[in-house]
Structure formats: C-alpha cells, structure tokens
Amino acid sequence: MISPRVLAIADERPRSMVHTQRSPTRGRAWGAPIAENSGTRSILAVRKQARNRRRAKAAAATVRRQASRAGDRASEAGARARLLARDARDRSVARVKDLGSQARDSVATSRMPPLEPHLCFVMSPRRPIPPVIMSDSVRVATYNVHRWQGANGRSRPDVARAGYVISELDADVVALQEVLRPLDLGGAGDPSEDPLCKLCDELDLHLAFAVTRRHRRGQLGNAILSRFPITAISVLDISHSRIERRGALAAQVGHAGAGLGVIATHLSLVDRTRHRQVRSLMEHPALNAGPAVLMGDMNAWRNCRGSQVLEDELGLHHNLDWPASFPAGRPMVSLDRIYTRNADVVEIGHHDTPAAKKASDHLPVVAEVAVKAVAETTDR
C-alpha cells in the first residue's frame, strides 16, 4: 500500500513537467506521461518539416498537372494553327513554286557543261491534213504544264493528263512552258517517240520545241503548238543571270500575208532580271513585223518594272484585271498572261475545269485575238 506521503509528493509535481505523448501515426494518446526535453522537440520539428515538404510536393505536382493540361490544350491549338498555316502556305504563292525541285535538278546537272537555250526540233503532223486558213479571229492559249507532273509536282510525268487539258482548250495556237522531254528516253531519243509529239499528231498540230536547260529526266524548255504551219522559228537566250537559264521561242505561223508572230516564254522570278528579259523581248523582230502575240508564265507576282513595260508597249485586254491562274486549285495570282501587238484581245479568261486543276499547278489562260491585216499594221 502506497503511503499518503508518496501520493502527496506525486501530486505536488508541476504540470509543465508532465504531458501526454500522442501516436505519430494514429494521433491518439498513449497515456504514458513523459518528461519534455530538447530531443522530443527536435523529433516533432523534423516530422512537421517532412509533412510540410510532402504537402509542398503534392501542391507542386498538382500545379504541374494543371500546367501540363493547359500546355496540351495550347499545344493542340498551336498544332491546329500550324496545320492550317501550312495548308495555306501550300496553296499560297510562295509554296506552290517548286524551287526545291529546281535546285535539286541543278545540282544533278551541275557537273555537265552549261546548256544554252537552243531549238531542238520542229515537226508537222504525220498524216496529211487540209490546210487551215487563218481568219480575223485567232484563239490562243498559254499553259505552264509543270513538267507534266501534276498540281503537286511530285507525280510521275504524264503527258496524257495535261494533253487532255490541251485538247479541251480547242485553241489555234498554244504556248507551253516547263515542257519536259524526252522523259525517260535519255535526252537523245527520236522526237517521234516523244509523248508530246504523239499528242500533237493526235491533235493535228504543228510543234516547235526549244530547250532552255537540262533536267535530271531529260530536257526542259518552251513549246509552240499550232494548227497553222510554222514558217519561221528562232530562239532567244534571255537568261541575264548565272543562276537560272531562261529562253524565249519565237515563231511565225500561218501563210504569207496572213501570218501571226508568236513568242512563248517563261520569265525570271527576280524583278530586276525580269525587267532585263522584257527589254530583250521588246526588240525581237517577231513583235515588230505585223500582228504578234507574247504569251507565257510572266511570274508577275506583283507590279514591277517588267510588267509595266509590257503593259505600256503592248496591247492589253479590256477586262478589269488579269485572270488568276495560280495555283490551279485556288487561283489567286495572275502569273500567266497574253499580250498583243497590232492585234486586239477581244476576250480572255482562265480554263477552269476539274482536269485542269489536277494536270498542273497553273491553269491555262485562253484569249480570243482579233488579228489586223498586214497592210493596216504597216500603215501605222
């Protein structure tokens, strides 16, 4: 039995020296009074710091998850915006011009000696056809066939695809640019085996082709297709640059006293070079000896000195603006144009058909030209 003296001594202990320890895991009292000391305070402080660190990590993880979700949404929106922008660029003027392919072609042929623009061949239809007399109205067209590789420029060359569009035009004279031949014939095949020659035979058209530069598949240049006989032909080197080769193919079609001068060309992408090329073309005899038509891909992305010279010195159509021809799927820019001298453009427009939208990145431009008599032009 405990004596009353011992109990009295126990009751006299100060309360500050006694506390109830709680479980660190369940938070309930153990019931055993222990003395408070510095070691106990250190343990509690460490546990509190650890608890605070866990809470901070959890909060940081929550913030990261929320930021990640927001970032995913922003990334998805950005991806959609980039996709739309890329799609717009693909349809825009800057993207549709396949300059990368031209650069690869130039690298592939860089080891070969430089090639100057020159006449390759002139052909008439094989089968006999009745003579076609030129009337006062001539239907002309210009068409950039994009190396026969379709609107995207990555398809296998197919002359029949663009040939169908040429047959749709039903034009008396057609100027072609970016004509690729002889495709897989190695560059020195028989012209009669050229798919373009076969196409002209089927359509009863006379054909003249001039090489502008080499291509990894053969030769690249300009061509003139005509229902009328080709009585004179010449090639003009209008490169004016070490970087890109450019040329113009000039022909006289028709008969004596009822002929038409035709120039097919593909001008430079650079404004300054294009201006020099236009000046060279203005001095060509084909534009200064009776009725004449200048057709081709003028690369007139915007108003420039070269375009101004053409509009000042040659005849224009009566439309409010040039018909847009590029890109074919959604025409926005008037790159392909038809100018006349000693002749009037009665009507002009682009040839917008499903086949034309797939055959090339350019749409053909067609015009009805009223040809003036030779005597009338010489009296001026």
Protein backbone atom coordinates (compact mmCIF):
# COMPACT_ATOMS: atom_id res chain seq x y z
CA MET A 1 0.00 0.00 0.00
CA ILE A 2 1.30 3.42 -1.05
CA SER A 3 1.67 5.82 1.75
CA PRO A 4 -0.16 9.16 1.71
CA ARG A 5 3.21 10.93 1.79
CA VAL A 6 4.27 9.46 -1.55
CA LEU A 7 0.96 10.40 -3.18
CA ALA A 8 1.27 13.91 -1.85
CA ILE A 9 4.76 14.25 -3.34
CA ALA A 10 3.50 12.97 -6.70
CA ASP A 11 0.61 15.42 -6.74
CA GLU A 12 2.97 18.29 -5.99
CA ARG A 13 4.87 17.87 -9.36
CA PRO A 14 4.33 20.84 -11.65
CA ARG A 15 2.04 20.19 -14.64
CA SER A 16 4.63 21.65 -17.00
CA MET A 17 6.82 18.62 -16.33
CA VAL A 18 4.12 16.15 -17.43
CA HIS A 19 2.49 15.74 -20.86
CA THR A 20 0.69 13.08 -22.75
CA GLN A 21 2.57 11.67 -25.79
CA ARG A 22 0.47 11.03 -28.90
CA SER A 23 0.96 8.41 -31.55
CA PRO A 24 2.75 9.77 -34.62
CA THR A 25 0.66 7.51 -36.84
CA ARG A 26 -2.86 7.43 -35.46
CA GLY A 27 -2.90 10.69 -33.45
CA ARG A 28 -4.30 9.17 -30.23
CA ALA A 29 -2.69 9.35 -26.75
CA TRP A 30 -0.52 6.58 -25.47
CA GLY A 31 -1.33 7.59 -21.96
CA ALA A 32 2.23 7.41 -20.64
CA PRO A 33 3.45 10.71 -19.20
CA ILE A 34 6.97 11.56 -20.30
CA ALA A 35 9.28 14.40 -19.50
CA GLU A 36 9.54 17.12 -22.16
CA ASN A 37 13.11 17.71 -23.38
CA SER A 38 15.03 19.11 -26.39
CA GLY A 39 15.17 15.70 -28.11
CA THR A 40 11.38 15.46 -28.18
CA ARG A 41 11.05 18.96 -29.63
CA SER A 42 13.59 18.09 -32.38
CA ILE A 43 11.65 14.97 -33.41
CA LEU A 44 8.40 16.90 -33.64
CA ALA A 45 10.04 19.66 -35.67
CA VAL A 46 11.53 17.13 -38.12
CA ARG A 47 8.17 15.44 -38.55
CA LYS A 48 6.49 18.78 -39.15
CA GLN A 49 9.09 19.73 -41.77
CA ALA A 50 8.66 16.37 -43.51
CA ARG A 51 4.90 16.84 -43.50
CA ASN A 52 5.27 20.33 -44.96
CA ARG A 53 7.61 19.01 -47.66
CA ARG A 54 5.12 16.31 -48.63
CA ARG A 55 2.36 18.89 -48.88
CA ALA A 56 4.59 21.17 -50.96
CA LYS A 57 5.46 18.31 -53.31
CA ALA A 58 1.80 17.39 -53.68
CA ALA A 59 0.91 21.01 -54.42
CA ALA A 60 3.74 21.27 -56.95
CA ALA A 61 2.59 18.06 -58.64
CA THR A 62 -0.94 19.45 -58.86
CA VAL A 63 0.35 22.66 -60.40
CA ARG A 64 2.42 20.69 -62.90
CA ARG A 65 -0.56 18.56 -63.90
CA GLN A 66 -2.71 21.63 -64.41
CA ALA A 67 0.05 23.32 -66.39
CA SER A 68 0.54 20.17 -68.44
CA ARG A 69 -3.16 20.03 -69.27
CA ALA A 70 -3.15 23.70 -70.19
CA GLY A 71 0.03 23.15 -72.18
CA ASP A 72 -1.53 20.20 -74.00
CA ARG A 73 -4.52 22.33 -74.89
CA ALA A 74 -2.26 25.15 -76.03
CA SER A 75 -0.06 22.70 -77.91
CA GLU A 76 -3.09 21.18 -79.61
CA ALA A 77 -4.37 24.62 -80.55
CA GLY A 78 -0.91 25.54 -81.78
CA ALA A 79 -0.72 22.34 -83.81
CA ARG A 80 -4.07 23.09 -85.40
CA ALA A 81 -2.94 26.63 -86.17
CA ARG A 82 0.31 25.35 -87.64
CA LEU A 83 -1.57 22.82 -89.75
CA LEU A 84 -3.91 25.49 -91.08
CA ALA A 85 -0.98 27.81 -91.75
CA ARG A 86 0.92 25.06 -93.54
CA ASP A 87 -2.14 24.23 -95.62
CA ALA A 88 -2.49 27.90 -96.50
CA ARG A 89 1.17 28.08 -97.44
CA ASP A 90 0.76 25.04 -99.66
CA ARG A 91 -1.95 26.89 -101.53
CA SER A 92 -0.18 30.20 -101.44
CA VAL A 93 2.09 31.69 -103.99
CA ALA A 94 5.35 31.15 -102.13
CA ARG A 95 4.87 27.44 -101.53
CA VAL A 96 3.42 26.25 -104.80
CA LYS A 97 6.52 27.26 -106.78
CA ASP A 98 8.70 24.17 -106.60
CA LEU A 99 12.05 25.89 -106.21
CA GLY A 100 13.47 22.99 -104.23
CA SER A 101 12.96 20.65 -107.14
CA GLN A 102 14.66 23.11 -109.45
CA ALA A 103 17.60 23.29 -107.05
CA ARG A 104 17.88 19.51 -106.97
CA ASP A 105 17.76 19.41 -110.74
CA SER A 106 20.52 21.99 -111.00
CA VAL A 107 22.67 20.02 -108.54
CA ALA A 108 22.11 16.84 -110.53
CA THR A 109 23.32 18.53 -113.71
CA SER A 110 25.98 20.77 -112.16
CA ARG A 111 28.80 18.57 -113.45
CA MET A 112 27.62 18.89 -117.04
CA PRO A 113 28.75 21.77 -119.25
CA PRO A 114 26.34 24.72 -119.29
CA LEU A 115 23.50 24.44 -121.79
CA GLU A 116 22.38 27.48 -123.75
CA PRO A 117 18.77 27.77 -124.93
CA HIS A 118 18.50 26.36 -128.45
CA LEU A 119 15.99 24.96 -130.91
CA CYS A 120 15.52 21.23 -130.53
CA PHE A 121 13.12 20.33 -133.35
CA VAL A 122 10.15 21.43 -135.46
CA MET A 123 7.56 18.88 -136.54
CA SER A 124 4.40 18.73 -138.60
CA PRO A 125 1.60 16.19 -138.23
CA ARG A 126 2.47 12.87 -139.84
CA ARG A 127 -0.85 12.33 -141.52
CA PRO A 128 -1.89 14.72 -144.29
CA ILE A 129 -4.31 17.40 -143.12
CA PRO A 130 -6.16 20.03 -145.12
CA PRO A 131 -4.61 23.49 -144.96
CA VAL A 132 -6.01 25.72 -142.24
CA ILE A 133 -6.51 29.34 -143.27
CA MET A 134 -6.10 31.95 -140.57
CA SER A 135 -9.18 34.08 -140.06
CA ASP A 136 -9.50 37.50 -138.48
CA SER A 137 -10.04 35.88 -135.07
CA VAL A 138 -7.49 33.50 -133.58
CA ARG A 139 -7.90 31.55 -130.35
CA VAL A 140 -4.61 31.46 -128.43
CA ALA A 141 -3.65 29.97 -125.07
CA THR A 142 -0.70 29.77 -122.70
CA TYR A 143 -0.16 26.87 -120.34
CA ASN A 144 2.58 26.02 -117.83
CA VAL A 145 2.45 22.21 -117.77
CA HIS A 146 4.71 21.89 -114.67
CA ARG A 147 6.92 19.18 -116.20
CA TRP A 148 3.81 17.00 -116.74
CA GLN A 149 3.94 16.15 -113.01
CA GLY A 150 0.51 17.31 -111.89
CA ALA A 151 -0.56 20.01 -109.48
CA ASN A 152 1.71 18.90 -106.63
CA GLY A 153 4.79 18.45 -108.84
CA ARG A 154 5.56 15.07 -107.28
CA SER A 155 3.62 12.74 -109.57
CA ARG A 156 5.21 10.69 -112.30
CA PRO A 157 5.34 12.69 -115.56
CA ASP A 158 2.18 12.03 -117.55
CA VAL A 159 1.76 13.88 -120.85
CA ALA A 160 -1.71 12.46 -121.38
CA ARG A 161 -3.02 14.19 -118.26
CA ALA A 162 -2.09 17.68 -119.47
CA GLY A 163 -2.69 16.63 -123.07
CA TYR A 164 -6.35 16.16 -122.29
CA VAL A 165 -6.48 19.73 -120.99
CA ILE A 166 -4.77 20.96 -124.19
CA SER A 167 -7.46 19.21 -126.22
CA GLU A 168 -10.11 20.91 -124.07
CA LEU A 169 -8.71 24.34 -124.93
CA ASP A 170 -9.51 23.92 -128.63
CA ALA A 171 -7.01 26.71 -129.35
CA ASP A 172 -5.39 27.55 -132.69
CA VAL A 173 -2.04 28.36 -131.06
CA VAL A 174 -0.81 27.17 -127.66
CA ALA A 175 2.36 28.28 -125.85
CA LEU A 176 3.69 25.75 -123.33
CA GLN A 177 6.20 26.33 -120.55
CA GLU A 178 8.15 23.88 -118.37
CA VAL A 179 7.89 21.26 -121.09
CA LEU A 180 9.87 18.18 -120.08
CA ARG A 181 11.19 15.87 -122.80
CA PRO A 182 12.04 13.23 -123.72
CA LEU A 183 11.20 11.99 -120.23
CA ASP A 184 12.71 8.51 -119.94
CA LEU A 185 14.32 8.45 -123.39
CA GLY A 186 17.67 9.61 -122.00
CA GLY A 187 17.72 13.05 -123.61
CA ALA A 188 18.65 11.91 -127.12
CA GLY A 189 15.69 9.84 -128.26
CA ASP A 190 13.82 10.02 -131.53
CA PRO A 191 11.47 13.05 -131.42
CA SER A 192 8.76 10.91 -133.00
CA GLU A 193 8.82 8.76 -129.85
CA ASP A 194 8.33 11.78 -127.62
CA PRO A 195 4.87 11.67 -125.94
CA LEU A 196 4.40 15.36 -126.75
CA CYS A 197 5.00 14.66 -130.45
CA LYS A 198 2.50 11.83 -130.33
CA LEU A 199 -0.02 14.15 -128.69
CA CYS A 200 0.44 16.74 -131.44
CA ASP A 201 -0.02 14.03 -134.06
CA GLU A 202 -3.32 13.05 -132.46
CA LEU A 203 -4.49 16.69 -132.37
CA ASP A 204 -3.16 17.53 -135.87
CA LEU A 205 -0.93 20.29 -134.51
CA HIS A 206 2.42 21.60 -135.72
CA LEU A 207 5.06 21.58 -132.98
CA ALA A 208 8.25 23.50 -132.20
CA PHE A 209 10.31 22.82 -129.08
CA ALA A 210 13.28 24.77 -127.69
CA VAL A 211 15.47 23.57 -124.82
CA THR A 212 16.15 26.02 -122.01
CA ARG A 213 18.10 23.89 -119.55
CA ARG A 214 18.88 20.33 -118.59
CA HIS A 215 16.73 18.32 -116.25
CA ARG A 216 17.51 15.07 -114.45
CA ARG A 217 14.82 13.41 -116.59
CA GLY A 218 15.87 14.97 -119.89
CA GLN A 219 15.40 18.50 -121.22
CA LEU A 220 13.22 21.38 -120.10
CA GLY A 221 12.01 24.24 -122.26
CA ASN A 222 9.23 26.02 -124.16
CA ALA A 223 7.00 24.75 -126.96
CA ILE A 224 4.58 26.21 -129.50
CA LEU A 225 1.68 24.14 -130.81
CA SER A 226 -0.17 25.49 -133.84
CA ARG A 227 -2.92 24.48 -136.24
CA PHE A 228 -1.28 26.74 -138.78
CA PRO A 229 2.03 25.86 -140.45
CA ILE A 230 5.17 27.16 -138.75
CA THR A 231 7.02 29.16 -141.39
CA ALA A 232 9.82 30.70 -139.29
CA ILE A 233 11.38 29.90 -135.95
CA SER A 234 14.04 31.38 -133.66
CA VAL A 235 15.26 31.08 -130.07
CA LEU A 236 16.31 33.96 -127.86
CA ASP A 237 18.53 33.50 -124.81
CA ILE A 238 17.18 35.84 -122.13
CA SER A 239 18.95 34.31 -119.12
CA HIS A 240 20.63 37.55 -117.87
CA SER A 241 21.66 35.54 -114.81
CA ARG A 242 24.17 32.88 -113.84
CA ILE A 243 21.68 31.19 -111.55
CA GLU A 244 18.76 30.35 -113.83
CA ARG A 245 18.52 29.72 -117.56
CA ARG A 246 15.63 31.35 -119.39
CA GLY A 247 14.71 31.45 -123.05
CA ALA A 248 12.03 32.54 -125.49
CA LEU A 249 10.76 30.62 -128.51
CA ALA A 250 9.55 32.82 -131.37
CA ALA A 251 7.64 31.52 -134.40
CA GLN A 252 5.76 32.82 -137.40
CA VAL A 253 2.60 30.80 -138.01
CA GLY A 254 0.19 30.97 -140.91
CA HIS A 255 0.73 31.81 -144.55
CA ALA A 256 2.29 34.70 -146.39
CA GLY A 257 0.19 37.80 -145.98
CA ALA A 258 -1.87 36.24 -143.18
CA GLY A 259 0.62 35.31 -140.51
CA LEU A 260 0.91 35.81 -136.78
CA GLY A 261 4.06 36.21 -134.73
CA VAL A 262 4.05 34.10 -131.57
CA ILE A 263 6.53 34.26 -128.69
CA ALA A 264 6.40 31.72 -125.87
CA THR A 265 8.50 32.48 -122.81
CA HIS A 266 8.96 31.83 -119.11
CA LEU A 267 10.38 34.86 -117.30
CA SER A 268 12.53 35.02 -114.19
CA LEU A 269 11.36 35.10 -110.59
CA VAL A 270 13.61 38.11 -109.86
CA ASP A 271 12.18 41.56 -110.67
CA ARG A 272 15.42 43.09 -111.90
CA THR A 273 16.24 40.14 -114.15
CA ARG A 274 12.66 40.02 -115.43
CA HIS A 275 12.89 43.68 -116.44
CA ARG A 276 16.01 42.98 -118.50
CA GLN A 277 14.33 40.00 -120.13
CA VAL A 278 11.33 42.08 -121.12
CA ARG A 279 13.60 44.69 -122.69
CA SER A 280 15.25 41.95 -124.75
CA LEU A 281 11.88 40.64 -125.91
CA MET A 282 10.68 44.07 -126.98
CA GLU A 283 13.47 44.20 -129.57
CA HIS A 284 12.67 40.82 -131.13
CA PRO A 285 11.55 41.01 -134.81
CA ALA A 286 8.57 38.76 -134.13
CA LEU A 287 6.99 41.58 -132.13
CA ASN A 288 7.76 44.24 -134.70
CA ALA A 289 6.66 42.75 -138.01
CA GLY A 290 2.89 42.58 -138.17
CA PRO A 291 0.40 41.08 -135.73
CA ALA A 292 2.07 39.35 -132.80
CA VAL A 293 1.23 37.65 -129.53
CA LEU A 294 3.51 37.33 -126.49
CA MET A 295 2.40 34.56 -124.15
CA GLY A 296 3.82 32.70 -121.20
CA ASP A 297 4.45 32.47 -117.49
CA MET A 298 5.47 36.05 -116.72
CA ASN A 299 5.97 35.37 -113.00
CA ALA A 300 4.30 38.71 -112.31
CA TRP A 301 3.78 38.21 -108.59
CA ARG A 302 3.29 41.94 -108.12
CA ASN A 303 3.55 45.16 -110.08
CA CYS A 304 7.13 45.64 -111.20
CA ARG A 305 9.11 47.42 -113.88
CA GLY A 306 9.00 44.46 -116.25
CA SER A 307 5.22 44.19 -116.08
CA GLN A 308 4.89 47.94 -116.50
CA VAL A 309 6.97 47.86 -119.69
CA LEU A 310 4.78 45.10 -121.12
CA GLU A 311 1.60 46.98 -120.31
CA ASP A 312 2.96 50.24 -121.71
CA GLU A 313 4.26 48.88 -125.02
CA LEU A 314 1.88 46.00 -125.80
CA GLY A 315 -1.87 45.67 -126.14
CA LEU A 316 -3.97 44.63 -123.18
CA HIS A 317 -7.38 43.07 -122.78
CA HIS A 318 -10.46 45.03 -121.76
CA ASN A 319 -11.04 43.15 -118.51
CA LEU A 320 -10.76 44.93 -115.21
CA ASP A 321 -7.94 42.64 -114.18
CA TRP A 322 -5.89 39.69 -115.39
CA PRO A 323 -7.50 36.27 -114.86
CA ALA A 324 -5.91 34.46 -111.93
CA SER A 325 -4.16 31.25 -112.95
CA PHE A 326 -2.03 30.18 -109.98
CA PRO A 327 -2.28 27.98 -108.00
CA ALA A 328 -4.60 25.81 -110.07
CA GLY A 329 -6.65 24.54 -107.13
CA ARG A 330 -7.41 28.03 -105.86
CA PRO A 331 -6.24 30.70 -108.33
CA MET A 332 -5.07 33.87 -106.60
CA VAL A 333 -2.25 35.28 -108.75
CA SER A 334 -2.14 36.21 -112.44
CA LEU A 335 1.21 34.73 -113.45
CA ASP A 336 0.24 33.60 -116.95
CA ARG A 337 -0.53 36.42 -119.37
CA ILE A 338 -1.19 37.17 -123.02
CA TYR A 339 -0.04 40.42 -124.66
CA THR A 340 -0.56 41.52 -128.24
CA ARG A 341 0.88 43.96 -130.72
CA ASN A 342 -1.04 45.02 -133.84
CA ALA A 343 -3.88 42.85 -132.59
CA ASP A 344 -6.71 43.19 -130.09
CA VAL A 345 -7.61 40.86 -127.23
CA VAL A 346 -11.35 40.51 -127.55
CA GLU A 347 -11.88 38.08 -124.68
CA ILE A 348 -9.62 36.46 -122.08
CA GLY A 349 -10.05 34.08 -119.16
CA HIS A 350 -8.62 31.04 -117.43
CA HIS A 351 -9.62 27.49 -118.31
CA ASP A 352 -11.02 26.19 -115.03
CA THR A 353 -12.03 22.53 -115.30
CA PRO A 354 -11.54 19.56 -112.94
CA ALA A 355 -8.92 18.13 -115.30
CA ALA A 356 -7.03 21.43 -115.45
CA LYS A 357 -6.88 21.66 -111.65
CA LYS A 358 -5.14 18.28 -111.45
CA ALA A 359 -2.88 18.38 -114.51
CA SER A 360 -0.63 21.28 -113.41
CA ASP A 361 -0.13 23.90 -110.73
CA HIS A 362 -1.12 26.54 -113.30
CA LEU A 363 -4.43 26.98 -115.07
CA PRO A 364 -4.33 27.66 -118.82
CA VAL A 365 -5.20 31.18 -119.93
CA VAL A 366 -7.17 31.45 -123.18
CA ALA A 367 -7.83 34.55 -125.29
CA GLU A 368 -9.67 35.44 -128.48
CA VAL A 369 -7.43 37.72 -130.54
CA ALA A 370 -8.63 39.87 -133.43
CA VAL A 371 -5.80 39.90 -135.96
CA LYS A 372 -5.40 43.03 -138.05
CA ALA A 373 -4.48 42.90 -141.70
CA VAL A 374 -0.81 43.23 -142.58
CA ALA A 375 -1.46 46.30 -144.72
CA GLU A 376 -3.17 48.02 -141.80
CA THR A 377 -0.26 47.35 -139.46
CA THR A 378 2.35 48.58 -141.94
CA ASP A 379 0.48 51.85 -142.50
CA ARG A 380 0.86 52.76 -138.84
